[in-house]
């Protein structure tokens, strides 16, 4: 499985541009704000945007909750994606998501400025 990081500051348009970046890099699945997405359809997870506090939102996006991480891990095992685009505000954030979900190391990093 190929893991691609899409990194940019909060509010820079990562979610908006993610479908285009995924298409350009032949990637079907996206992880964004606690969700596993395929073709604009939520496959698994819960949105960090629906959390009541900033801390809860960050914890959700980083898959710190073990049940949440397990749900998404099981969906990844079931779906068997060949590649996943992971959105994050920093490379460290994407690396934390990769670790929490037990994914292979990042093979490519795309910065939103590119």
PDB file of N, CA and C in Angstrom:
ATOM      1  N   UNK A   1       0.839  -1.178   0.000  1.00  0.00           N
ATOM      2  CA  UNK A   1       0.000   0.000   0.000  1.00  0.00           C
ATOM      3  C   UNK A   1       0.887   1.246   0.000  1.00  0.00           C
ATOM      4  N   UNK A   2       0.582   2.151  -0.906  1.00  0.00           N
ATOM      5  CA  UNK A   2       1.341   3.401  -1.027  1.00  0.00           C
ATOM      6  C   UNK A   2       0.635   4.486  -0.222  1.00  0.00           C
ATOM      7  N   UNK A   3       1.405   5.160   0.632  1.00  0.00           N
ATOM      8  CA  UNK A   3       0.873   6.232   1.467  1.00  0.00           C
ATOM      9  C   UNK A   3       1.456   7.554   0.984  1.00  0.00           C
ATOM     10  N   UNK A   4       0.566   8.502   0.678  1.00  0.00           N
ATOM     11  CA  UNK A   4       0.974   9.828   0.221  1.00  0.00           C
ATOM     12  C   UNK A   4       0.457  10.855   1.217  1.00  0.00           C
ATOM     13  N   UNK A   5       1.328  11.737   1.670  1.00  0.00           N
ATOM     14  CA  UNK A   5       0.954  12.802   2.601  1.00  0.00           C
ATOM     15  C   UNK A   5       0.637  14.069   1.809  1.00  0.00           C
ATOM     16  N   UNK A   6      -0.442  14.729   2.182  1.00  0.00           N
ATOM     17  CA  UNK A   6      -0.813  16.026   1.595  1.00  0.00           C
ATOM     18  C   UNK A   6      -0.848  17.013   2.747  1.00  0.00           C
ATOM     19  N   UNK A   7       0.152  17.896   2.795  1.00  0.00           N
ATOM     20  CA  UNK A   7       0.401  18.735   3.955  1.00  0.00           C
ATOM     21  C   UNK A   7       0.186  20.211   3.637  1.00  0.00           C
ATOM     22  N   UNK A   8      -0.496  20.888   4.551  1.00  0.00           N
ATOM     23  CA  UNK A   8      -0.708  22.327   4.429  1.00  0.00           C
ATOM     24  C   UNK A   8      -1.320  22.880   5.691  1.00  0.00           C
ATOM     25  N   UNK A   9      -1.195  24.171   5.869  1.00  0.00           N
ATOM     26  CA  UNK A   9      -1.720  24.832   7.062  1.00  0.00           C
ATOM     27  C   UNK A   9      -3.233  24.664   7.158  1.00  0.00           C
ATOM     28  N   UNK A  10      -3.727  24.754   8.376  1.00  0.00           N
ATOM     29  CA  UNK A  10      -5.169  24.696   8.607  1.00  0.00           C
ATOM     30  C   UNK A  10      -5.841  25.828   7.822  1.00  0.00           C
ATOM     31  N   UNK A  11      -6.912  25.491   7.113  1.00  0.00           N
ATOM     32  CA  UNK A  11      -7.637  26.497   6.342  1.00  0.00           C
ATOM     33  C   UNK A  11      -7.029  26.822   4.989  1.00  0.00           C
ATOM     34  N   UNK A  12      -6.022  26.058   4.564  1.00  0.00           N
ATOM     35  CA  UNK A  12      -5.335  26.347   3.296  1.00  0.00           C
ATOM     36  C   UNK A  12      -6.004  25.704   2.082  1.00  0.00           C
ATOM     37  N   UNK A  13      -7.046  24.896   2.288  1.00  0.00           N
ATOM     38  CA  UNK A  13      -7.767  24.285   1.177  1.00  0.00           C
ATOM     39  C   UNK A  13      -7.402  22.845   0.880  1.00  0.00           C
ATOM     40  N   UNK A  14      -6.804  22.152   1.845  1.00  0.00           N
ATOM     41  CA  UNK A  14      -6.419  20.751   1.620  1.00  0.00           C
ATOM     42  C   UNK A  14      -7.627  19.890   1.272  1.00  0.00           C
ATOM     43  N   UNK A  15      -8.671  19.976   2.075  1.00  0.00           N
ATOM     44  CA  UNK A  15      -9.859  19.147   1.820  1.00  0.00           C
ATOM     45  C   UNK A  15     -10.447  19.465   0.454  1.00  0.00           C
ATOM     46  N   UNK A  16     -10.526  20.728   0.133  1.00  0.00           N
ATOM     47  CA  UNK A  16     -11.080  21.171  -1.147  1.00  0.00           C
ATOM     48  C   UNK A  16     -10.276  20.607  -2.327  1.00  0.00           C
ATOM     49  N   UNK A  17      -8.951  20.626  -2.209  1.00  0.00           N
ATOM     50  CA  UNK A  17      -8.082  20.185  -3.307  1.00  0.00           C
ATOM     51  C   UNK A  17      -7.766  18.688  -3.279  1.00  0.00           C
ATOM     52  N   UNK A  18      -8.152  18.006  -2.218  1.00  0.00           N
ATOM     53  CA  UNK A  18      -7.734  16.613  -2.042  1.00  0.00           C
ATOM     54  C   UNK A  18      -8.212  15.683  -3.160  1.00  0.00           C
ATOM     55  N   UNK A  19      -9.418  15.868  -3.661  1.00  0.00           N
ATOM     56  CA  UNK A  19      -9.917  14.998  -4.738  1.00  0.00           C
ATOM     57  C   UNK A  19      -9.062  15.163  -5.994  1.00  0.00           C
ATOM     58  N   UNK A  20      -8.691  16.396  -6.303  1.00  0.00           N
ATOM     59  CA  UNK A  20      -7.852  16.652  -7.482  1.00  0.00           C
ATOM     60  C   UNK A  20      -6.471  16.014  -7.286  1.00  0.00           C
ATOM     61  N   UNK A  21      -5.875  16.212  -6.098  1.00  0.00           N
ATOM     62  CA  UNK A  21      -4.555  15.642  -5.809  1.00  0.00           C
ATOM     63  C   UNK A  21      -4.617  14.118  -5.876  1.00  0.00           C
ATOM     64  N   UNK A  22      -5.670  13.545  -5.316  1.00  0.00           N
ATOM     65  CA  UNK A  22      -5.822  12.080  -5.354  1.00  0.00           C
ATOM     66  C   UNK A  22      -5.936  11.590  -6.796  1.00  0.00           C
ATOM     67  N   UNK A  23      -6.741  12.256  -7.587  1.00  0.00           N
ATOM     68  CA  UNK A  23      -6.919  11.853  -8.992  1.00  0.00           C
ATOM     69  C   UNK A  23      -5.598  11.967  -9.767  1.00  0.00           C
ATOM     70  N   UNK A  24      -4.882  13.054  -9.557  1.00  0.00           N
ATOM     71  CA  UNK A  24      -3.604  13.272 -10.244  1.00  0.00           C
ATOM     72  C   UNK A  24      -2.548  12.232  -9.865  1.00  0.00           C
ATOM     73  N   UNK A  25      -2.681  11.653  -8.681  1.00  0.00           N
ATOM     74  CA  UNK A  25      -1.705  10.671  -8.192  1.00  0.00           C
ATOM     75  C   UNK A  25      -2.262   9.253  -8.181  1.00  0.00           C
ATOM     76  N   UNK A  26      -3.406   9.058  -8.861  1.00  0.00           N
ATOM     77  CA  UNK A  26      -4.023   7.739  -8.988  1.00  0.00           C
ATOM     78  C   UNK A  26      -4.292   7.090  -7.616  1.00  0.00           C
ATOM     79  N   UNK A  27      -4.930   7.868  -6.720  1.00  0.00           N
ATOM     80  CA  UNK A  27      -5.248   7.408  -5.369  1.00  0.00           C
ATOM     81  C   UNK A  27      -6.768   7.428  -5.202  1.00  0.00           C
ATOM     82  N   UNK A  28      -7.335   6.302  -4.757  1.00  0.00           N
ATOM     83  CA  UNK A  28      -8.793   6.209  -4.584  1.00  0.00           C
ATOM     84  C   UNK A  28      -9.270   6.606  -3.189  1.00  0.00           C
ATOM     85  N   UNK A  29      -8.438   6.433  -2.169  1.00  0.00           N
ATOM     86  CA  UNK A  29      -8.858   6.645  -0.787  1.00  0.00           C
ATOM     87  C   UNK A  29      -8.157   7.853  -0.177  1.00  0.00           C
ATOM     88  N   UNK A  30      -8.890   8.545   0.696  1.00  0.00           N
ATOM     89  CA  UNK A  30      -8.376   9.722   1.386  1.00  0.00           C
ATOM     90  C   UNK A  30      -8.688   9.590   2.872  1.00  0.00           C
ATOM     91  N   UNK A  31      -7.727   9.966   3.709  1.00  0.00           N
ATOM     92  CA  UNK A  31      -7.981  10.102   5.141  1.00  0.00           C
ATOM     93  C   UNK A  31      -7.898  11.586   5.452  1.00  0.00           C
ATOM     94  N   UNK A  32      -9.009  12.114   5.976  1.00  0.00           N
ATOM     95  CA  UNK A  32      -9.121  13.544   6.263  1.00  0.00           C
ATOM     96  C   UNK A  32      -9.985  13.745   7.499  1.00  0.00           C
ATOM     97  N   UNK A  33      -9.456  14.418   8.492  1.00  0.00           N
ATOM     98  CA  UNK A  33     -10.200  14.784   9.701  1.00  0.00           C
ATOM     99  C   UNK A  33     -10.920  13.617  10.362  1.00  0.00           C
ATOM    100  N   UNK A  34     -10.255  12.471  10.442  1.00  0.00           N
ATOM    101  CA  UNK A  34     -10.824  11.326  11.139  1.00  0.00           C
ATOM    102  C   UNK A  34     -11.673  10.410  10.279  1.00  0.00           C
ATOM    103  N   UNK A  35     -11.752  10.698   8.992  1.00  0.00           N
ATOM    104  CA  UNK A  35     -12.598   9.916   8.080  1.00  0.00           C
ATOM    105  C   UNK A  35     -11.768   9.186   7.031  1.00  0.00           C
ATOM    106  N   UNK A  36     -12.218   7.988   6.656  1.00  0.00           N
ATOM    107  CA  UNK A  36     -11.694   7.276   5.491  1.00  0.00           C
ATOM    108  C   UNK A  36     -12.726   7.482   4.394  1.00  0.00           C
ATOM    109  N   UNK A  37     -12.299   8.059   3.278  1.00  0.00           N
ATOM    110  CA  UNK A  37     -13.206   8.475   2.207  1.00  0.00           C
ATOM    111  C   UNK A  37     -12.801   7.818   0.893  1.00  0.00           C
ATOM    112  N   UNK A  38     -13.798   7.397   0.120  1.00  0.00           N
ATOM    113  CA  UNK A  38     -13.578   6.899  -1.235  1.00  0.00           C
ATOM    114  C   UNK A  38     -14.637   7.527  -2.130  1.00  0.00           C
ATOM    115  N   UNK A  39     -14.207   8.222  -3.168  1.00  0.00           N
ATOM    116  CA  UNK A  39     -15.124   8.824  -4.139  1.00  0.00           C
ATOM    117  C   UNK A  39     -16.209   9.661  -3.471  1.00  0.00           C
ATOM    118  N   UNK A  40     -15.816  10.561  -2.595  1.00  0.00           N
ATOM    119  CA  UNK A  40     -16.748  11.450  -1.883  1.00  0.00           C
ATOM    120  C   UNK A  40     -17.725  10.711  -0.961  1.00  0.00           C
ATOM    121  N   UNK A  41     -17.444   9.441  -0.644  1.00  0.00           N
ATOM    122  CA  UNK A  41     -18.300   8.653   0.237  1.00  0.00           C
ATOM    123  C   UNK A  41     -17.502   8.273   1.481  1.00  0.00           C
ATOM    124  N   UNK A  42     -18.074   8.500   2.645  1.00  0.00           N
ATOM    125  CA  UNK A  42     -17.413   8.119   3.888  1.00  0.00           C
ATOM    126  C   UNK A  42     -17.499   6.605   4.041  1.00  0.00           C
ATOM    127  N   UNK A  43     -16.340   5.970   4.127  1.00  0.00           N
ATOM    128  CA  UNK A  43     -16.252   4.515   4.287  1.00  0.00           C
ATOM    129  C   UNK A  43     -16.245   4.154   5.772  1.00  0.00           C
ATOM    130  N   UNK A  44     -15.526   4.952   6.568  1.00  0.00           N
ATOM    131  CA  UNK A  44     -15.415   4.672   8.011  1.00  0.00           C
ATOM    132  C   UNK A  44     -14.934   5.925   8.730  1.00  0.00           C
ATOM    133  N   UNK A  45     -15.103   5.917  10.039  1.00  0.00           N
ATOM    134  CA  UNK A  45     -14.596   6.998  10.869  1.00  0.00           C
ATOM    135  C   UNK A  45     -15.673   7.984  11.266  1.00  0.00           C
ATOM    136  N   UNK A  46     -15.229   8.972  12.046  1.00  0.00           N
ATOM    137  CA  UNK A  46     -16.100  10.054  12.498  1.00  0.00           C
ATOM    138  C   UNK A  46     -15.353  11.362  12.301  1.00  0.00           C
ATOM    139  N   UNK A  47     -16.067  12.380  11.909  1.00  0.00           N
ATOM    140  CA  UNK A  47     -15.460  13.659  11.568  1.00  0.00           C
ATOM    141  C   UNK A  47     -14.981  14.431  12.794  1.00  0.00           C
ATOM    142  N   UNK A  48     -13.760  14.906  12.728  1.00  0.00           N
ATOM    143  CA  UNK A  48     -13.212  15.753  13.783  1.00  0.00           C
ATOM    144  C   UNK A  48     -13.950  17.092  13.832  1.00  0.00           C
ATOM    145  N   UNK A  49     -14.526  17.496  12.720  1.00  0.00           N
ATOM    146  CA  UNK A  49     -15.237  18.781  12.653  1.00  0.00           C
ATOM    147  C   UNK A  49     -16.495  18.784  13.516  1.00  0.00           C
ATOM    148  N   UNK A  50     -16.999  17.609  13.876  1.00  0.00           N
ATOM    149  CA  UNK A  50     -18.221  17.523  14.686  1.00  0.00           C
ATOM    150  C   UNK A  50     -17.947  17.520  16.191  1.00  0.00           C
ATOM    151  N   UNK A  51     -16.674  17.519  16.569  1.00  0.00           N
ATOM    152  CA  UNK A  51     -16.326  17.526  17.991  1.00  0.00           C
ATOM    153  C   UNK A  51     -16.593  18.899  18.605  1.00  0.00           C
ATOM    154  N   UNK A  52     -16.894  18.910  19.901  1.00  0.00           N
ATOM    155  CA  UNK A  52     -17.277  20.148  20.578  1.00  0.00           C
ATOM    156  C   UNK A  52     -16.097  21.033  20.967  1.00  0.00           C
ATOM    157  N   UNK A  53     -14.922  20.426  21.189  1.00  0.00           N
ATOM    158  CA  UNK A  53     -13.760  21.217  21.596  1.00  0.00           C
ATOM    159  C   UNK A  53     -12.608  21.010  20.612  1.00  0.00           C
ATOM    160  N   UNK A  54     -11.690  21.935  20.623  1.00  0.00           N
ATOM    161  CA  UNK A  54     -10.516  21.836  19.744  1.00  0.00           C
ATOM    162  C   UNK A  54      -9.686  20.603  20.104  1.00  0.00           C
ATOM    163  N   UNK A  55      -9.521  20.355  21.402  1.00  0.00           N
ATOM    164  CA  UNK A  55      -8.736  19.190  21.835  1.00  0.00           C
ATOM    165  C   UNK A  55      -9.390  17.888  21.355  1.00  0.00           C
ATOM    166  N   UNK A  56     -10.700  17.787  21.495  1.00  0.00           N
ATOM    167  CA  UNK A  56     -11.405  16.583  21.035  1.00  0.00           C
ATOM    168  C   UNK A  56     -11.274  16.434  19.522  1.00  0.00           C
ATOM    169  N   UNK A  57     -11.293  17.541  18.815  1.00  0.00           N
ATOM    170  CA  UNK A  57     -11.149  17.525  17.357  1.00  0.00           C
ATOM    171  C   UNK A  57      -9.770  16.998  16.952  1.00  0.00           C
ATOM    172  N   UNK A  58      -8.741  17.468  17.625  1.00  0.00           N
ATOM    173  CA  UNK A  58      -7.372  17.021  17.333  1.00  0.00           C
ATOM    174  C   UNK A  58      -7.233  15.532  17.649  1.00  0.00           C
ATOM    175  N   UNK A  59      -7.769  15.107  18.787  1.00  0.00           N
ATOM    176  CA  UNK A  59      -7.703  13.690  19.165  1.00  0.00           C
ATOM    177  C   UNK A  59      -8.408  12.815  18.131  1.00  0.00           C
ATOM    178  N   UNK A  60      -9.554  13.280  17.603  1.00  0.00           N
ATOM    179  CA  UNK A  60     -10.305  12.523  16.597  1.00  0.00           C
ATOM    180  C   UNK A  60      -9.502  12.444  15.300  1.00  0.00           C
ATOM    181  N   UNK A  61      -8.947  13.571  14.854  1.00  0.00           N
ATOM    182  CA  UNK A  61      -8.191  13.612  13.601  1.00  0.00           C
ATOM    183  C   UNK A  61      -6.936  12.746  13.647  1.00  0.00           C
ATOM    184  N   UNK A  62      -6.362  12.599  14.852  1.00  0.00           N
ATOM    185  CA  UNK A  62      -5.141  11.803  15.021  1.00  0.00           C
ATOM    186  C   UNK A  62      -5.419  10.343  15.370  1.00  0.00           C
ATOM    187  N   UNK A  63      -6.686   9.960  15.433  1.00  0.00           N
ATOM    188  CA  UNK A  63      -7.080   8.579  15.736  1.00  0.00           C
ATOM    189  C   UNK A  63      -6.527   8.115  17.077  1.00  0.00           C
ATOM    190  N   UNK A  64      -6.568   8.999  18.070  1.00  0.00           N
ATOM    191  CA  UNK A  64      -6.067   8.654  19.397  1.00  0.00           C
ATOM    192  C   UNK A  64      -7.032   7.703  20.108  1.00  0.00           C
ATOM    193  N   UNK A  65      -8.336   7.856  19.873  1.00  0.00           N
ATOM    194  CA  UNK A  65      -9.326   6.949  20.443  1.00  0.00           C
ATOM    195  C   UNK A  65      -9.157   5.574  19.805  1.00  0.00           C
ATOM    196  N   UNK A  66      -8.907   4.572  20.624  1.00  0.00           N
ATOM    197  CA  UNK A  66      -8.601   3.223  20.110  1.00  0.00           C
ATOM    198  C   UNK A  66      -9.763   2.611  19.322  1.00  0.00           C
ATOM    199  N   UNK A  67     -11.002   2.831  19.753  1.00  0.00           N
ATOM    200  CA  UNK A  67     -12.151   2.280  19.024  1.00  0.00           C
ATOM    201  C   UNK A  67     -12.290   2.925  17.645  1.00  0.00           C
ATOM    202  N   UNK A  68     -12.079   4.210  17.592  1.00  0.00           N
ATOM    203  CA  UNK A  68     -12.140   4.939  16.322  1.00  0.00           C
ATOM    204  C   UNK A  68     -11.054   4.433  15.376  1.00  0.00           C
ATOM    205  N   UNK A  69      -9.835   4.314  15.883  1.00  0.00           N
ATOM    206  CA  UNK A  69      -8.718   3.816  15.066  1.00  0.00           C
ATOM    207  C   UNK A  69      -8.997   2.391  14.589  1.00  0.00           C
ATOM    208  N   UNK A  70      -9.534   1.556  15.466  1.00  0.00           N
ATOM    209  CA  UNK A  70      -9.828   0.173  15.101  1.00  0.00           C
ATOM    210  C   UNK A  70     -10.890   0.105  13.995  1.00  0.00           C
ATOM    211  N   UNK A  71     -11.912   0.934  14.098  1.00  0.00           N
ATOM    212  CA  UNK A  71     -12.956   0.973  13.066  1.00  0.00           C
ATOM    213  C   UNK A  71     -12.351   1.277  11.692  1.00  0.00           C
ATOM    214  N   UNK A  72     -11.474   2.275  11.642  1.00  0.00           N
ATOM    215  CA  UNK A  72     -10.870   2.665  10.368  1.00  0.00           C
ATOM    216  C   UNK A  72      -9.872   1.615   9.906  1.00  0.00           C
ATOM    217  N   UNK A  73      -9.091   1.032  10.820  1.00  0.00           N
ATOM    218  CA  UNK A  73      -8.167  -0.048  10.456  1.00  0.00           C
ATOM    219  C   UNK A  73      -8.903  -1.219   9.831  1.00  0.00           C
ATOM    220  N   UNK A  74     -10.018  -1.609  10.428  1.00  0.00           N
ATOM    221  CA  UNK A  74     -10.814  -2.721   9.885  1.00  0.00           C
ATOM    222  C   UNK A  74     -11.359  -2.390   8.500  1.00  0.00           C
ATOM    223  N   UNK A  75     -11.770  -1.154   8.307  1.00  0.00           N
ATOM    224  CA  UNK A  75     -12.269  -0.741   6.986  1.00  0.00           C
ATOM    225  C   UNK A  75     -11.156  -0.789   5.950  1.00  0.00           C
ATOM    226  N   UNK A  76      -9.957  -0.387   6.343  1.00  0.00           N
ATOM    227  CA  UNK A  76      -8.811  -0.449   5.429  1.00  0.00           C
ATOM    228  C   UNK A  76      -8.497  -1.905   5.078  1.00  0.00           C
ATOM    229  N   UNK A  77      -8.534  -2.785   6.064  1.00  0.00           N
ATOM    230  CA  UNK A  77      -8.307  -4.214   5.799  1.00  0.00           C
ATOM    231  C   UNK A  77      -9.365  -4.775   4.858  1.00  0.00           C
ATOM    232  N   UNK A  78     -10.605  -4.367   5.059  1.00  0.00           N
ATOM    233  CA  UNK A  78     -11.716  -4.853   4.232  1.00  0.00           C
ATOM    234  C   UNK A  78     -11.632  -4.303   2.802  1.00  0.00           C
ATOM    235  N   UNK A  79     -11.330  -3.019   2.672  1.00  0.00           N
ATOM    236  CA  UNK A  79     -11.306  -2.347   1.369  1.00  0.00           C
ATOM    237  C   UNK A  79     -10.044  -2.656   0.562  1.00  0.00           C
ATOM    238  N   UNK A  80      -8.949  -2.949   1.268  1.00  0.00           N
ATOM    239  CA  UNK A  80      -7.661  -3.256   0.632  1.00  0.00           C
ATOM    240  C   UNK A  80      -7.222  -2.205  -0.406  1.00  0.00           C
ATOM    241  N   UNK A  81      -7.111  -0.947   0.015  1.00  0.00           N
ATOM    242  CA  UNK A  81      -6.693   0.088  -0.937  1.00  0.00           C
ATOM    243  C   UNK A  81      -5.240  -0.095  -1.364  1.00  0.00           C
ATOM    244  N   UNK A  82      -4.967   0.221  -2.619  1.00  0.00           N
ATOM    245  CA  UNK A  82      -3.580   0.161  -3.090  1.00  0.00           C
ATOM    246  C   UNK A  82      -2.817   1.416  -2.670  1.00  0.00           C
ATOM    247  N   UNK A  83      -3.563   2.498  -2.395  1.00  0.00           N
ATOM    248  CA  UNK A  83      -2.918   3.741  -1.953  1.00  0.00           C
ATOM    249  C   UNK A  83      -3.918   4.604  -1.190  1.00  0.00           C
ATOM    250  N   UNK A  84      -3.375   5.434  -0.292  1.00  0.00           N
ATOM    251  CA  UNK A  84      -4.189   6.343   0.517  1.00  0.00           C
ATOM    252  C   UNK A  84      -3.497   7.695   0.569  1.00  0.00           C
ATOM    253  N   UNK A  85      -4.271   8.754   0.355  1.00  0.00           N
ATOM    254  CA  UNK A  85      -3.803  10.128   0.532  1.00  0.00           C
ATOM    255  C   UNK A  85      -4.215  10.560   1.935  1.00  0.00           C
ATOM    256  N   UNK A  86      -3.245  10.969   2.757  1.00  0.00           N
ATOM    257  CA  UNK A  86      -3.544  11.393   4.127  1.00  0.00           C
ATOM    258  C   UNK A  86      -3.290  12.890   4.248  1.00  0.00           C
ATOM    259  N   UNK A  87      -4.326  13.618   4.655  1.00  0.00           N
ATOM    260  CA  UNK A  87      -4.229  15.057   4.815  1.00  0.00           C
ATOM    261  C   UNK A  87      -3.807  15.411   6.228  1.00  0.00           C
ATOM    262  N   UNK A  88      -2.944  16.420   6.349  1.00  0.00           N
ATOM    263  CA  UNK A  88      -2.516  16.874   7.668  1.00  0.00           C
ATOM    264  C   UNK A  88      -1.938  18.264   7.624  1.00  0.00           C
ATOM    265  N   UNK A  89      -1.920  18.914   8.781  1.00  0.00           N
ATOM    266  CA  UNK A  89      -1.372  20.268   8.860  1.00  0.00           C
ATOM    267  C   UNK A  89       0.153  20.262   8.933  1.00  0.00           C
ATOM    268  N   UNK A  90       0.731  19.090   9.194  1.00  0.00           N
ATOM    269  CA  UNK A  90       2.192  18.960   9.240  1.00  0.00           C
ATOM    270  C   UNK A  90       2.562  17.526   8.902  1.00  0.00           C
ATOM    271  N   UNK A  91       3.819  17.329   8.559  1.00  0.00           N
ATOM    272  CA  UNK A  91       4.296  15.977   8.310  1.00  0.00           C
ATOM    273  C   UNK A  91       4.188  15.144   9.587  1.00  0.00           C
ATOM    274  N   UNK A  92       4.463  15.774  10.730  1.00  0.00           N
ATOM    275  CA  UNK A  92       4.344  15.078  12.015  1.00  0.00           C
ATOM    276  C   UNK A  92       2.932  14.571  12.259  1.00  0.00           C
ATOM    277  N   UNK A  93       1.940  15.348  11.872  1.00  0.00           N
ATOM    278  CA  UNK A  93       0.547  14.923  12.033  1.00  0.00           C
ATOM    279  C   UNK A  93       0.266  13.701  11.165  1.00  0.00           C
ATOM    280  N   UNK A  94       0.701  13.736   9.916  1.00  0.00           N
ATOM    281  CA  UNK A  94       0.476  12.602   9.019  1.00  0.00           C
ATOM    282  C   UNK A  94       1.203  11.364   9.545  1.00  0.00           C
ATOM    283  N   UNK A  95       2.421  11.544  10.034  1.00  0.00           N
ATOM    284  CA  UNK A  95       3.166  10.415  10.593  1.00  0.00           C
ATOM    285  C   UNK A  95       2.447   9.825  11.802  1.00  0.00           C
ATOM    286  N   UNK A  96       1.828  10.673  12.629  1.00  0.00           N
ATOM    287  CA  UNK A  96       1.075  10.191  13.787  1.00  0.00           C
ATOM    288  C   UNK A  96      -0.148   9.376  13.340  1.00  0.00           C
ATOM    289  N   UNK A  97      -0.808   9.806  12.287  1.00  0.00           N
ATOM    290  CA  UNK A  97      -1.957   9.074  11.750  1.00  0.00           C
ATOM    291  C   UNK A  97      -1.509   7.718  11.209  1.00  0.00           C
ATOM    292  N   UNK A  98      -0.407   7.721  10.458  1.00  0.00           N
ATOM    293  CA  UNK A  98       0.145   6.473   9.916  1.00  0.00           C
ATOM    294  C   UNK A  98       0.428   5.490  11.050  1.00  0.00           C
ATOM    295  N   UNK A  99       1.040   5.968  12.111  1.00  0.00           N
ATOM    296  CA  UNK A  99       1.378   5.107  13.253  1.00  0.00           C
ATOM    297  C   UNK A  99       0.105   4.598  13.946  1.00  0.00           C
ATOM    298  N   UNK A 100      -0.855   5.481  14.185  1.00  0.00           N
ATOM    299  CA  UNK A 100      -2.088   5.099  14.883  1.00  0.00           C
ATOM    300  C   UNK A 100      -2.883   4.052  14.118  1.00  0.00           C
ATOM    301  N   UNK A 101      -2.797   4.106  12.788  1.00  0.00           N
ATOM    302  CA  UNK A 101      -3.562   3.174  11.954  1.00  0.00           C
ATOM    303  C   UNK A 101      -2.735   1.972  11.495  1.00  0.00           C
ATOM    304  N   UNK A 102      -1.464   1.932  11.878  1.00  0.00           N
ATOM    305  CA  UNK A 102      -0.610   0.798  11.516  1.00  0.00           C
ATOM    306  C   UNK A 102      -0.363   0.698  10.021  1.00  0.00           C
ATOM    307  N   UNK A 103      -0.212   1.837   9.366  1.00  0.00           N
ATOM    308  CA  UNK A 103      -0.008   1.872   7.915  1.00  0.00           C
ATOM    309  C   UNK A 103       1.471   1.855   7.564  1.00  0.00           C
ATOM    310  N   UNK A 104       1.791   1.519   6.308  1.00  0.00           N
ATOM    311  CA  UNK A 104       3.196   1.570   5.872  1.00  0.00           C
ATOM    312  C   UNK A 104       3.718   3.008   5.891  1.00  0.00           C
ATOM    313  N   UNK A 105       5.024   3.141   5.823  1.00  0.00           N
ATOM    314  CA  UNK A 105       5.606   4.488   5.869  1.00  0.00           C
ATOM    315  C   UNK A 105       5.210   5.308   4.644  1.00  0.00           C
ATOM    316  N   UNK A 106       5.307   6.606   4.800  1.00  0.00           N
ATOM    317  CA  UNK A 106       4.933   7.559   3.751  1.00  0.00           C
ATOM    318  C   UNK A 106       5.922   7.454   2.594  1.00  0.00           C
ATOM    319  N   UNK A 107       5.391   7.317   1.379  1.00  0.00           N
ATOM    320  CA  UNK A 107       6.264   7.187   0.215  1.00  0.00           C
ATOM    321  C   UNK A 107       6.411   8.497  -0.555  1.00  0.00           C
ATOM    322  N   UNK A 108       5.490   9.436  -0.355  1.00  0.00           N
ATOM    323  CA  UNK A 108       5.545  10.704  -1.079  1.00  0.00           C
ATOM    324  C   UNK A 108       4.898  11.786  -0.231  1.00  0.00           C
ATOM    325  N   UNK A 109       5.476  12.981  -0.250  1.00  0.00           N
ATOM    326  CA  UNK A 109       4.933  14.123   0.481  1.00  0.00           C
ATOM    327  C   UNK A 109       4.623  15.219  -0.526  1.00  0.00           C
ATOM    328  N   UNK A 110       3.381  15.695  -0.501  1.00  0.00           N
ATOM    329  CA  UNK A 110       2.956  16.797  -1.369  1.00  0.00           C
ATOM    330  C   UNK A 110       2.580  17.953  -0.454  1.00  0.00           C
ATOM    331  N   UNK A 111       3.203  19.098  -0.680  1.00  0.00           N
ATOM    332  CA  UNK A 111       2.868  20.299   0.085  1.00  0.00           C
ATOM    333  C   UNK A 111       1.849  21.109  -0.714  1.00  0.00           C
ATOM    334  N   UNK A 112       0.872  21.685  -0.049  1.00  0.00           N
ATOM    335  CA  UNK A 112      -0.195  22.397  -0.730  1.00  0.00           C
ATOM    336  C   UNK A 112       0.351  23.535  -1.591  1.00  0.00           C
ATOM    337  N   UNK A 113       1.486  24.102  -1.204  1.00  0.00           N
ATOM    338  CA  UNK A 113       2.085  25.183  -1.986  1.00  0.00           C
ATOM    339  C   UNK A 113       2.519  24.707  -3.372  1.00  0.00           C
ATOM    340  N   UNK A 114       2.782  23.394  -3.486  1.00  0.00           N
ATOM    341  CA  UNK A 114       3.217  22.829  -4.768  1.00  0.00           C
ATOM    342  C   UNK A 114       2.034  22.763  -5.710  1.00  0.00           C
TER     343      UNK A 114
END
